[in-house]
Amino acid sequence: MKAYRARFPIRVMCRVLGLSPSGYYAWLKRRPSKRDRRDETLREKIVRIWNQNRRVYGRPRLHAELRARGERTSPKRVGRLMKEAGIQGASRRRRKAGLTRRDRKARPAPDLVNRNFTAEGPDQLWVADLTYVRTQAGWLYVAVVVDAWSRRVVGWAMETHLRSELVEKALAMAVIRRQPKQVIHHSDQGTQYTSAAFGKRCREAGVRPSMGSVGDAYDNAMCESFFATLECELLDRHRFRNPGEARRAVFDFIEGFYNRQRRHSALGYESPVHYEQQAA
């Protein structure tokens, strides 16, 4: 009624709604209850956190962030206040088909993982894959290496081509950063990963290559999950003029948000960097 009082007389609206004008005016003068004031404070904090986290957090991550900041409330209340504020988290859709092209003449590495993506510590199992980013001036291709234990992207590379150097650079970054000992590197059977040059890089670094079957996303589900997050929380929400602009955005997402800030459900809603620091 308060929102429509400039268009309709109060008495008319009260009569239509079966209310009394005196009751309406009493309600206007009534002070907000303690619960209403608490809701208003929480709603403001929820919107602030949502904006601080690139407007991608849904109810579980917003609830986890509130708890980390000392706020005691329920997930149900967070969901209700999100709805009242008109905000929602980014939702995933089915990921586009990958870029796997198998070289039938190449010999793939054995599957050392068998869909078991658990690790008891850092740099025991890495998963790797690549995807593409559409821009108005052509494609940008992104290769990543993800630590299965902490979900941290430990290596990445971006190029405007799909030659084997792309995945070699991602592996080289991971090796330089982490200095692993006999880590398993799991990927699909794409030509980039079955190339002689990539196999040589693995042998030189003491990395044990592993490959899943062809055309089965479940054989590399963890990396598929990362790319689904990248698409949902960045690529589907932006349009890029050229590969350079896309490169800067993907770099900022990986190093500025995904690794250091974004709360991961598989890590008890900790970020990968914080999860590693707590375990150190």
Protein backbone atom coordinates (compact mmCIF):
# COMPACT_ATOMS: atom_id res chain seq x y z
CA MET A 1 0.00 0.00 0.00
CA LYS A 2 2.83 2.34 0.86
CA ALA A 3 4.31 1.90 -2.61
CA TYR A 4 0.97 2.65 -4.34
CA ARG A 5 -0.38 5.46 -2.17
CA ALA A 6 0.54 8.07 -4.80
CA ARG A 7 -1.77 6.33 -7.29
CA PHE A 8 -4.69 5.20 -5.13
CA PRO A 9 -6.39 6.63 -2.02
CA ILE A 10 -5.50 4.80 1.20
CA ARG A 11 -9.15 4.23 2.10
CA VAL A 12 -9.87 2.63 -1.29
CA MET A 13 -6.90 0.26 -0.96
CA CYS A 14 -7.86 -0.62 2.61
CA ARG A 15 -11.42 -1.43 1.51
CA VAL A 16 -10.19 -3.65 -1.35
CA LEU A 17 -7.73 -5.49 0.91
CA GLY A 18 -10.09 -5.76 3.85
CA LEU A 19 -7.97 -3.61 6.14
CA SER A 20 -8.72 -0.63 8.34
CA PRO A 21 -7.12 2.76 7.68
CA SER A 22 -6.32 3.12 11.39
CA GLY A 23 -4.46 -0.21 11.33
CA TYR A 24 -2.46 0.86 8.30
CA TYR A 25 -1.40 4.17 9.90
CA ALA A 26 -0.51 2.36 13.13
CA TRP A 27 1.71 0.02 11.12
CA LEU A 28 3.50 3.00 9.54
CA LYS A 29 4.44 4.33 12.99
CA ARG A 30 5.48 0.98 14.39
CA ARG A 31 9.22 0.52 14.94
CA PRO A 32 10.85 -2.44 13.17
CA SER A 33 11.15 -5.53 15.35
CA LYS A 34 14.51 -6.88 16.50
CA ARG A 35 14.28 -9.63 13.89
CA ASP A 36 13.50 -7.11 11.15
CA ARG A 37 16.52 -5.01 12.12
CA ARG A 38 18.70 -8.13 12.17
CA ASP A 39 17.41 -9.12 8.72
CA GLU A 40 18.25 -5.69 7.35
CA THR A 41 21.81 -5.87 8.71
CA LEU A 42 22.32 -9.38 7.34
CA ARG A 43 20.82 -8.46 3.98
CA GLU A 44 23.29 -5.60 3.58
CA LYS A 45 26.22 -7.89 4.48
CA ILE A 46 25.04 -10.58 2.08
CA VAL A 47 24.80 -8.12 -0.82
CA ARG A 48 28.23 -6.71 0.06
CA ILE A 49 29.84 -10.18 0.13
CA TRP A 50 28.09 -11.11 -3.11
CA ASN A 51 29.52 -8.03 -4.82
CA GLN A 52 32.98 -8.63 -3.36
CA ASN A 53 32.98 -12.15 -4.84
CA ARG A 54 32.15 -11.14 -8.39
CA ARG A 55 28.42 -11.76 -7.95
CA VAL A 56 28.85 -15.52 -8.40
CA TYR A 57 28.30 -16.84 -4.85
CA GLY A 58 25.10 -18.71 -4.12
CA ARG A 59 23.59 -19.58 -0.76
CA PRO A 60 26.19 -22.18 0.44
CA ARG A 61 29.22 -19.96 -0.19
CA LEU A 62 27.54 -16.84 1.15
CA HIS A 63 26.62 -18.76 4.30
CA ALA A 64 30.21 -20.02 4.64
CA GLU A 65 31.57 -16.48 4.20
CA LEU A 66 29.19 -15.11 6.84
CA ARG A 67 30.27 -17.82 9.30
CA ALA A 68 33.93 -17.02 8.60
CA ARG A 69 33.15 -13.40 9.51
CA GLY A 70 31.57 -14.43 12.80
CA GLU A 71 27.93 -14.20 11.75
CA ARG A 72 25.69 -16.96 13.11
CA THR A 73 22.69 -17.62 10.88
CA SER A 74 21.08 -20.46 8.97
CA PRO A 75 21.40 -21.29 5.25
CA LYS A 76 17.61 -21.03 4.96
CA ARG A 77 17.67 -17.45 6.26
CA VAL A 78 20.49 -16.56 3.88
CA GLY A 79 18.44 -17.93 0.98
CA ARG A 80 15.39 -15.93 2.02
CA LEU A 81 17.36 -12.70 2.34
CA MET A 82 19.04 -13.30 -1.04
CA LYS A 83 15.61 -13.63 -2.63
CA GLU A 84 14.42 -10.43 -0.94
CA ALA A 85 17.53 -8.61 -2.17
CA GLY A 86 17.01 -9.91 -5.72
CA ILE A 87 20.40 -11.65 -5.99
CA GLN A 88 21.40 -15.18 -6.92
CA GLY A 89 24.55 -17.20 -7.52
CA ALA A 90 25.92 -18.11 -10.92
CA SER A 91 24.48 -21.42 -12.12
CA ARG A 92 26.33 -23.99 -14.14
CA ARG A 93 25.16 -25.37 -17.44
CA ARG A 94 26.39 -28.40 -19.30
CA ARG A 95 29.91 -27.77 -20.52
CA LYS A 96 30.65 -27.57 -24.23
CA ALA A 97 32.40 -30.47 -25.90
CA GLY A 98 36.14 -30.47 -25.36
CA LEU A 99 39.01 -30.13 -27.81
CA THR A 100 40.28 -33.71 -27.69
CA ARG A 101 41.66 -34.90 -31.03
CA ARG A 102 43.30 -38.30 -30.83
CA ASP A 103 46.35 -39.20 -32.87
CA ARG A 104 45.75 -42.84 -33.72
CA LYS A 105 49.45 -43.34 -34.41
CA ALA A 106 50.47 -42.15 -30.94
CA ARG A 107 50.64 -44.50 -27.97
CA PRO A 108 48.72 -43.10 -24.97
CA ALA A 109 49.99 -43.41 -21.44
CA PRO A 110 48.29 -45.93 -19.12
CA ASP A 111 45.42 -44.84 -16.88
CA LEU A 112 47.01 -44.58 -13.41
CA VAL A 113 43.97 -42.90 -11.87
CA ASN A 114 40.94 -45.00 -12.87
CA ARG A 115 38.56 -42.16 -11.92
CA ASN A 116 39.94 -42.01 -8.36
CA PHE A 117 40.80 -38.32 -7.99
CA THR A 118 41.64 -38.42 -4.30
CA ALA A 119 45.08 -37.47 -2.99
CA GLU A 120 46.42 -37.45 0.56
CA GLY A 121 48.70 -34.48 0.04
CA PRO A 122 49.96 -31.91 -2.46
CA ASP A 123 51.63 -32.80 -5.75
CA GLN A 124 50.66 -36.45 -5.75
CA LEU A 125 48.09 -36.16 -8.53
CA TRP A 126 47.66 -33.40 -11.09
CA VAL A 127 44.84 -33.27 -13.63
CA ALA A 128 45.15 -31.36 -16.88
CA ASP A 129 43.00 -30.29 -19.79
CA LEU A 130 42.43 -27.42 -22.18
CA THR A 131 39.49 -25.34 -23.37
CA TYR A 132 38.77 -22.44 -25.68
CA VAL A 133 37.53 -18.88 -25.22
CA ARG A 134 35.63 -17.13 -27.99
CA THR A 135 36.50 -13.50 -28.70
CA GLN A 136 35.43 -11.07 -31.43
CA ALA A 137 38.91 -11.33 -32.96
CA GLY A 138 39.47 -15.10 -32.78
CA TRP A 139 40.01 -17.88 -30.27
CA LEU A 140 42.10 -18.07 -27.12
CA TYR A 141 43.07 -21.55 -25.94
CA VAL A 142 43.66 -22.20 -22.24
CA ALA A 143 45.52 -25.17 -20.74
CA VAL A 144 45.61 -25.81 -16.99
CA VAL A 145 47.16 -28.18 -14.47
CA VAL A 146 45.16 -28.63 -11.25
CA ASP A 147 46.35 -30.23 -8.00
CA ALA A 148 43.75 -32.85 -7.07
CA TRP A 149 44.41 -32.45 -3.35
CA SER A 150 43.86 -28.71 -2.97
CA ARG A 151 42.02 -27.95 -6.25
CA ARG A 152 44.62 -25.24 -6.87
CA VAL A 153 45.53 -24.38 -10.46
CA VAL A 154 49.29 -24.90 -10.23
CA GLY A 155 50.07 -24.36 -13.89
CA TRP A 156 48.39 -22.65 -16.81
CA ALA A 157 49.15 -21.34 -20.29
CA MET A 158 47.21 -19.38 -22.91
CA GLU A 159 47.87 -19.17 -26.64
CA THR A 160 46.02 -18.49 -29.89
CA HIS A 161 47.06 -21.93 -31.22
CA LEU A 162 46.59 -25.55 -30.22
CA ARG A 163 50.12 -26.84 -30.74
CA SER A 164 51.74 -29.02 -28.07
CA GLU A 165 53.69 -26.01 -26.73
CA LEU A 166 50.46 -24.90 -25.06
CA VAL A 167 50.26 -27.87 -22.69
CA GLU A 168 54.05 -27.97 -22.35
CA LYS A 169 54.03 -24.42 -20.97
CA ALA A 170 51.29 -25.25 -18.47
CA LEU A 171 53.28 -28.27 -17.29
CA ALA A 172 56.50 -26.24 -17.09
CA MET A 173 54.83 -23.63 -14.87
CA ALA A 174 53.50 -26.34 -12.54
CA VAL A 175 56.91 -28.03 -12.28
CA ILE A 176 58.76 -24.77 -11.58
CA ARG A 177 56.22 -23.70 -8.96
CA ARG A 178 55.85 -27.01 -7.15
CA GLN A 179 59.04 -29.03 -7.72
CA PRO A 180 57.15 -32.35 -7.52
CA LYS A 181 58.59 -35.81 -6.99
CA GLN A 182 56.96 -38.52 -9.11
CA VAL A 183 53.62 -36.72 -9.42
CA ILE A 184 50.99 -38.32 -11.66
CA HIS A 185 49.85 -36.02 -14.49
CA HIS A 186 46.42 -37.16 -15.72
CA SER A 187 44.87 -35.91 -18.97
CA ASP A 188 42.82 -37.08 -21.92
CA GLN A 189 44.32 -38.58 -25.07
CA GLY A 190 44.43 -35.35 -27.05
CA THR A 191 47.25 -35.01 -29.57
CA GLN A 192 48.91 -32.33 -27.44
CA TYR A 193 49.33 -34.76 -24.52
CA THR A 194 50.33 -37.78 -26.61
CA SER A 195 52.96 -35.83 -28.57
CA ALA A 196 56.59 -36.89 -28.34
CA ALA A 197 57.57 -33.39 -27.16
CA PHE A 198 55.18 -33.52 -24.21
CA GLY A 199 56.30 -37.04 -23.28
CA LYS A 200 59.89 -35.83 -23.26
CA ARG A 201 59.01 -32.92 -20.95
CA CYS A 202 57.37 -35.35 -18.54
CA ARG A 203 60.40 -37.64 -18.47
CA GLU A 204 62.78 -34.72 -17.92
CA ALA A 205 60.69 -33.46 -14.98
CA GLY A 206 60.11 -36.88 -13.41
CA VAL A 207 56.38 -36.59 -14.05
CA ARG A 208 54.34 -39.79 -14.55
CA PRO A 209 51.84 -39.30 -17.41
CA SER A 210 48.40 -40.90 -17.13
CA MET A 211 45.52 -40.77 -19.61
CA GLY A 212 41.83 -41.62 -19.48
CA SER A 213 39.78 -43.17 -22.25
CA VAL A 214 38.66 -41.25 -25.32
CA GLY A 215 35.42 -39.25 -25.21
CA ASP A 216 34.60 -39.91 -21.54
CA ALA A 217 34.41 -36.76 -19.40
CA TYR A 218 34.25 -38.83 -16.21
CA ASP A 219 37.83 -39.97 -16.81
CA ASN A 220 38.94 -36.39 -16.19
CA ALA A 221 36.01 -35.15 -14.12
CA MET A 222 38.01 -32.86 -11.84
CA CYS A 223 39.41 -30.76 -14.68
CA GLU A 224 36.00 -30.76 -16.37
CA SER A 225 34.64 -29.33 -13.11
CA PHE A 226 37.21 -26.51 -13.13
CA PHE A 227 36.34 -25.53 -16.69
CA ALA A 228 32.62 -25.66 -15.88
CA THR A 229 33.32 -23.17 -13.07
CA LEU A 230 35.41 -20.97 -15.38
CA GLU A 231 32.62 -20.88 -17.95
CA CYS A 232 29.84 -20.32 -15.43
CA GLU A 233 31.55 -17.64 -13.36
CA LEU A 234 33.55 -15.80 -16.05
CA LEU A 235 33.16 -16.76 -19.69
CA ASP A 236 29.35 -16.87 -19.80
CA ARG A 237 29.17 -13.46 -18.12
CA HIS A 238 31.55 -11.50 -20.36
CA ARG A 239 32.21 -10.84 -24.04
CA PHE A 240 35.81 -10.24 -25.08
CA ARG A 241 36.98 -8.05 -27.94
CA ASN A 242 40.24 -9.92 -28.57
CA PRO A 243 42.44 -12.72 -27.16
CA GLY A 244 44.52 -10.23 -25.17
CA GLU A 245 41.49 -9.01 -23.27
CA ALA A 246 40.36 -12.59 -22.63
CA ARG A 247 43.85 -13.55 -21.46
CA ARG A 248 43.87 -10.81 -18.81
CA ALA A 249 40.40 -11.82 -17.59
CA VAL A 250 41.29 -15.53 -17.32
CA PHE A 251 44.55 -14.72 -15.53
CA ASP A 252 42.70 -12.53 -13.04
CA PHE A 253 40.07 -15.23 -12.48
CA ILE A 254 42.62 -17.99 -11.82
CA GLU A 255 45.20 -16.14 -9.76
CA GLY A 256 43.09 -13.36 -8.29
CA PHE A 257 39.90 -15.25 -7.46
CA TYR A 258 39.79 -19.02 -7.98
CA ASN A 259 43.05 -19.92 -6.22
CA ARG A 260 43.09 -17.30 -3.47
CA GLN A 261 39.54 -16.23 -2.70
CA ARG A 262 36.83 -18.51 -4.04
CA ARG A 263 35.43 -20.94 -1.45
CA HIS A 264 35.32 -24.55 -2.68
CA SER A 265 32.69 -26.96 -1.38
CA ALA A 266 35.12 -29.90 -1.69
CA LEU A 267 37.56 -28.11 0.65
CA GLY A 268 35.05 -27.37 3.41
CA TYR A 269 34.42 -23.98 1.80
CA GLU A 270 38.05 -22.86 2.02
CA SER A 271 40.02 -21.38 -0.88
CA PRO A 272 42.81 -23.60 -2.33
CA VAL A 273 45.57 -21.30 -1.05
CA HIS A 274 44.09 -21.11 2.45
CA TYR A 275 43.53 -24.87 2.47
CA GLU A 276 47.21 -25.45 1.65
CA GLN A 277 48.35 -22.93 4.25
CA GLN A 278 46.26 -24.58 6.97
CA ALA A 279 47.75 -27.98 6.15
CA ALA A 280 51.36 -26.74 6.06
